[in-house]
Protein backbone atom coordinates (compact mmCIF):
# COMPACT_ATOMS: atom_id res chain seq x y z
CA MET A 1 118.60 95.01 86.67
CA THR A 2 119.35 92.39 89.30
CA ALA A 3 118.36 94.09 92.56
CA VAL A 4 115.83 96.61 93.88
CA GLU A 5 115.50 98.13 97.33
CA ALA A 6 112.61 100.22 98.60
CA SER A 7 111.55 101.81 101.86
CA ILE A 8 108.70 103.88 103.21
CA ASP A 9 109.05 105.01 106.83
CA ARG A 10 107.26 107.11 109.45
CA ASN A 11 107.96 108.40 112.93
CA ASP A 12 104.80 109.55 114.69
CA ALA A 13 101.71 108.17 116.38
CA SER A 14 99.44 108.81 113.41
CA GLY A 15 101.87 107.01 111.09
CA ALA A 16 101.78 104.08 113.48
CA TRP A 17 97.94 104.14 113.40
CA VAL A 18 97.71 105.06 117.09
CA TYR A 19 94.72 107.29 116.45
CA PRO A 20 92.82 109.15 119.21
CA ILE A 21 89.60 107.59 120.46
CA PRO A 22 86.57 109.93 120.30
CA PRO A 23 85.10 110.46 123.80
CA ASP A 24 81.63 109.44 122.62
CA ALA A 25 82.76 106.06 121.25
CA SER A 26 80.35 103.42 122.56
CA GLU A 27 78.10 100.60 121.42
CA GLN A 28 75.38 103.23 121.03
CA THR A 29 77.41 105.23 118.48
CA ILE A 30 79.21 102.33 116.76
CA ASP A 31 77.68 99.30 115.04
CA TRP A 32 80.14 96.88 116.60
CA ASN A 33 78.67 93.70 115.12
CA GLN A 34 78.72 95.18 111.66
CA PHE A 35 82.38 96.06 112.14
CA LEU A 36 83.29 92.55 113.32
CA GLY A 37 81.64 90.94 110.31
CA ASP A 38 82.93 87.38 110.03
CA THR A 39 85.93 87.98 112.33
CA PRO A 40 85.96 86.36 115.80
CA SER A 41 83.31 87.70 118.16
CA ARG A 42 84.61 89.79 121.07
CA PRO A 43 83.39 92.45 123.50
CA PHE A 44 83.17 96.03 122.29
CA ASP A 45 86.62 97.59 122.05
CA PRO A 46 86.97 101.12 120.65
CA ILE A 47 90.73 100.66 120.28
CA ARG A 48 90.19 97.83 117.84
CA PHE A 49 87.62 99.88 115.97
CA PHE A 50 89.64 103.07 115.53
CA ARG A 51 93.09 101.44 115.35
CA TRP A 52 92.02 98.42 113.33
CA ARG A 53 95.20 98.43 111.24
CA CYS A 54 97.11 97.28 114.33
CA PHE A 55 95.20 93.99 114.57
CA ARG A 56 95.44 90.93 112.36
CA ASP A 57 91.71 90.25 112.36
CA TYR A 58 91.02 93.39 110.35
CA GLY A 59 94.10 94.33 108.35
CA GLU A 60 97.44 93.31 106.88
CA GLY A 61 99.65 95.62 108.90
CA LEU A 62 102.59 97.31 107.22
CA PRO A 63 102.72 95.14 104.08
CA GLY A 64 99.04 95.60 103.26
CA ASP A 65 99.03 99.28 104.18
CA LEU A 66 102.40 100.55 102.95
CA TYR A 67 104.29 97.87 100.99
CA VAL A 68 101.54 97.97 98.41
CA HIS A 69 102.32 101.59 97.48
CA MET A 70 105.93 100.72 96.64
CA LEU A 71 105.24 97.30 95.11
CA THR A 72 102.80 98.61 92.54
CA GLY A 73 105.40 100.97 91.10
CA ILE A 74 108.13 98.32 91.18
CA HIS A 75 105.88 95.78 89.44
CA PHE A 76 105.00 98.37 86.80
CA ILE A 77 108.60 99.41 86.11
CA ALA A 78 109.93 95.84 86.10
CA GLY A 79 107.05 94.46 84.04
CA ILE A 80 106.02 92.00 86.75
CA THR A 81 102.86 90.04 85.92
CA ALA A 82 102.96 87.42 88.70
CA PRO A 83 103.50 87.22 92.46
CA PRO A 84 107.04 86.80 93.79
CA LEU A 85 108.35 83.25 94.02
CA ARG A 86 109.43 83.46 97.67
CA ALA A 87 109.47 85.93 100.55
CA ALA A 88 111.46 86.04 103.79
CA ALA A 89 110.43 88.64 106.37
CA MET A 90 111.81 89.76 109.72
CA GLY A 91 110.81 92.51 112.12
CA SER A 92 109.33 93.16 115.53
CA ILE A 93 107.36 95.53 117.74
CA PHE A 94 110.05 97.85 119.07
CA ARG A 95 108.31 101.06 120.05
CA TRP A 96 104.52 101.04 119.65
CA THR A 97 104.09 98.16 122.06
CA GLU A 98 100.59 98.75 123.45
CA ASN A 99 97.43 97.39 121.84
CA ARG A 100 99.16 96.06 118.78
CA GLU A 101 99.59 92.70 117.03
CA VAL A 102 101.40 93.73 113.85
CA PRO A 103 105.06 94.81 113.81
CA ASP A 104 106.21 98.42 113.75
CA LEU A 105 109.22 97.35 111.67
CA ILE A 106 109.22 94.75 108.93
CA TRP A 107 111.93 93.98 106.39
CA THR A 108 111.29 91.55 103.55
CA LEU A 109 113.41 89.98 100.83
CA PHE A 110 111.31 89.01 97.80
CA GLU A 111 112.52 86.65 95.10
CA TYR A 112 111.43 87.39 91.54
CA PRO A 113 112.67 85.39 88.56
CA ASN A 114 115.10 88.05 87.30
CA PHE A 115 115.89 90.14 90.37
CA ARG A 116 115.65 90.35 94.15
CA LEU A 117 113.77 93.02 96.08
CA SER A 118 114.56 94.24 99.60
CA MET A 119 111.64 96.18 101.09
CA ARG A 120 111.38 97.92 104.47
CA CYS A 121 108.71 99.71 106.48
CA ASN A 122 109.79 101.31 109.74
CA LEU A 123 107.48 103.29 112.03
CA ASN A 124 110.34 104.39 114.28
CA ASN A 125 112.30 106.72 112.02
CA GLU A 126 111.11 109.11 109.32
CA SER A 127 112.72 108.96 105.88
CA PRO A 128 111.50 109.73 102.36
CA GLY A 129 109.80 107.00 100.38
CA VAL A 130 112.45 105.81 97.94
CA SER A 131 113.09 102.95 95.55
CA ARG A 132 116.40 102.15 93.88
CA TYR A 133 116.93 99.93 90.87
CA TYR A 134 120.41 98.47 90.44
CA GLY A 135 121.48 97.50 86.94
CA THR A 136 124.85 96.56 85.52
CA LYS A 137 125.10 99.89 83.70
CA GLY A 138 123.73 102.24 86.32
CA THR A 139 121.35 102.99 89.19
CA MET A 140 117.88 104.52 88.99
CA GLU A 141 116.41 106.15 92.09
CA ILE A 142 112.85 107.38 92.59
CA LYS A 143 112.37 109.63 95.60
CA ASP A 144 109.01 111.36 95.91
CA ASP A 145 108.48 113.09 92.52
CA ILE A 146 112.12 112.97 91.43
CA LEU A 147 113.76 110.28 89.31
CA THR A 148 117.55 110.17 89.03
CA VAL A 149 119.58 107.94 86.72
CA THR A 150 123.27 107.56 87.56
CA PRO A 151 125.37 105.64 85.00
CA GLN A 152 128.33 103.55 86.07
CA ASN A 153 131.59 103.30 84.21
CA THR A 154 131.78 99.73 82.91
CA GLU A 155 134.69 100.27 80.54
CA PRO A 156 137.26 97.45 80.86
CA GLN A 157 140.05 98.24 83.30
CA PRO A 158 143.31 96.39 83.93
CA GLU A 159 143.44 94.43 87.17
CA GLY A 160 145.45 96.08 89.92
CA TYR A 161 144.67 94.70 93.36
CA SER A 162 144.91 90.95 92.85
CA ILE A 163 148.24 91.08 90.95
CA LEU A 164 150.10 92.98 93.67
CA GLY A 165 151.57 89.71 94.91
CA TRP A 166 152.81 88.68 91.47
CA PRO A 167 156.49 88.97 90.62
CA ALA A 168 157.28 92.28 88.92
CA LYS A 169 158.05 90.56 85.61
CA LEU A 170 154.64 88.83 85.51
CA ARG A 171 152.85 92.05 86.44
CA LEU A 172 154.57 93.89 83.62
CA GLU A 173 153.78 91.12 81.11
CA TYR A 174 150.12 91.11 82.20
CA GLN A 175 149.82 94.90 81.82
CA GLN A 176 151.48 94.86 78.40
CA GLN A 177 149.21 92.06 77.19
CA TRP A 178 146.13 93.82 78.56
CA ARG A 179 146.98 97.01 76.68
CA GLN A 180 147.47 95.04 73.48
CA GLU A 181 144.06 93.43 73.89
CA HIS A 182 142.43 96.75 74.85
CA PRO A 183 144.04 99.43 72.69
CA ALA A 184 143.20 103.06 73.40
CA PRO A 185 140.56 104.52 71.07
CA LEU A 186 141.79 106.24 67.97
CA PRO A 187 141.08 109.94 67.48
CA GLY A 188 137.43 110.47 66.69
CA GLN A 189 136.40 107.16 68.23
CA TYR A 190 136.12 108.17 71.87
CA THR A 191 132.88 107.38 73.70
CA LEU A 192 131.28 110.26 75.55
CA MET A 193 131.10 109.85 79.30
CA GLN A 194 127.59 109.88 80.72
CA SER A 195 126.65 111.77 83.86
CA ALA A 196 123.65 111.56 86.15
CA GLU A 197 120.30 112.72 84.81
CA ARG A 198 117.43 114.02 86.91
CA PHE A 199 113.77 114.04 85.97
CA GLU A 200 111.14 115.82 88.03
CA ALA A 201 107.36 116.04 87.93
CA PRO A 202 106.07 119.37 86.59
CA PRO A 203 104.92 122.06 89.02
CA HIS A 204 101.55 121.42 90.65
CA TYR A 205 101.52 117.79 89.46
CA ASP A 206 99.18 115.62 91.54
CA TYR A 207 99.63 111.89 91.10
CA GLN A 208 96.26 111.24 92.72
CA VAL A 209 94.54 113.09 89.88
CA ASP A 210 96.46 110.99 87.35
CA HIS A 211 95.44 107.79 89.14
CA MET A 212 91.79 108.76 89.13
CA ASN A 213 91.94 109.95 85.54
CA ASN A 214 93.42 106.62 84.45
CA PHE A 215 90.56 104.79 86.15
CA MET A 216 87.88 107.06 84.69
CA GLU A 217 89.35 106.70 81.20
CA SER A 218 89.19 102.92 81.60
CA VAL A 219 85.52 103.21 82.51
CA ARG A 220 84.80 105.47 79.55
CA THR A 221 86.77 103.50 76.95
CA ARG A 222 86.40 100.00 78.39
CA GLN A 223 90.17 99.66 78.03
CA PRO A 224 92.31 98.10 80.80
CA SER A 225 93.68 100.47 83.39
CA VAL A 226 97.39 100.68 84.17
CA GLU A 227 96.83 98.65 87.35
CA ASP A 228 93.91 96.31 86.76
CA ALA A 229 92.44 93.64 89.05
CA VAL A 230 95.01 90.98 88.10
CA TYR A 231 97.79 93.47 88.68
CA GLY A 232 96.36 94.30 92.09
CA LYS A 233 96.00 90.62 92.93
CA ASN A 234 99.69 89.95 92.27
CA THR A 235 100.70 92.88 94.45
CA ALA A 236 98.33 91.80 97.25
CA ILE A 237 99.73 88.26 97.19
CA ALA A 238 103.23 89.66 97.71
CA CYS A 239 101.98 91.56 100.78
CA HIS A 240 100.30 88.45 102.15
CA MET A 241 103.53 86.49 101.61
CA ALA A 242 105.48 89.01 103.69
CA ASN A 243 103.03 88.63 106.58
CA TYR A 244 102.94 84.85 106.24
CA SER A 245 106.71 84.70 106.51
CA TYR A 246 106.84 87.11 109.46
CA PHE A 247 104.13 85.51 111.60
CA ASN A 248 105.10 81.91 110.81
CA LYS A 249 108.85 82.53 111.01
CA CYS A 250 109.42 80.73 107.73
CA LEU A 251 110.16 81.21 104.05
CA ALA A 252 106.87 81.90 102.27
CA VAL A 253 106.38 80.37 98.82
CA TRP A 254 103.61 81.10 96.36
CA ASP A 255 102.17 77.85 94.95
CA GLU A 256 100.52 78.84 91.68
CA GLY A 257 98.95 75.41 91.16
CA ALA A 258 97.34 75.32 94.59
CA ARG A 259 96.71 79.09 94.53
CA LYS A 260 97.95 79.49 98.09
CA ILE A 261 100.92 80.53 100.19
CA GLN A 262 102.90 77.75 101.79
CA ALA A 263 105.95 77.39 104.00
CA ALA A 264 109.09 76.32 102.19
């Protein structure tokens, strides 16, 4: 596997965190100071309280809210045990322009040692959450509860396009030599062709129950969970790197020695 792409998109006000404000929202019904915590002090603002995901003081926008759901699975499948090396993010606020600091579209390219990951969150067009894993022998796609593996034919083939400009004699010699070096299989030695395979979660499967069960079993047995604190830390760092790159308009690099994100 050399490349992965993933996306998780929405197309409605709720998906963009533009939640309704209750008519009784006031300083008498909301502990505003408790909400602010150690963030900058400011006058009471119910929009910030109920739509806190839209503001940098209180949340991590699309990466912290949605990237994390895709990244955890990708890290698990790829065996990732560290943050990405670098991240480059672009995006903007295209549609949900009022009372918002974080983008409604962000696209990030992450660099991992053995592959590259392109990840997108778009609040302006609905599409299924999907991740695709591109290997030299095939493609694996996970869409909702369905996993599909599609092999690719990597059997050697004689060159055709680039030799079109060769003289006919050289083309013929090349083709004859190629056939000598790649003889057709003898009877009984043919390799079966592979076709796409599809795997689907069983009826009534609920991944949330599995997640909770994994956690409870860890508590009972004192054995590590599938996604422990270190695992979560590495995923969170990747989300922070995406935001760092977007807001600073730079390439974000994880400095393991300094334990911080820096501009390249």
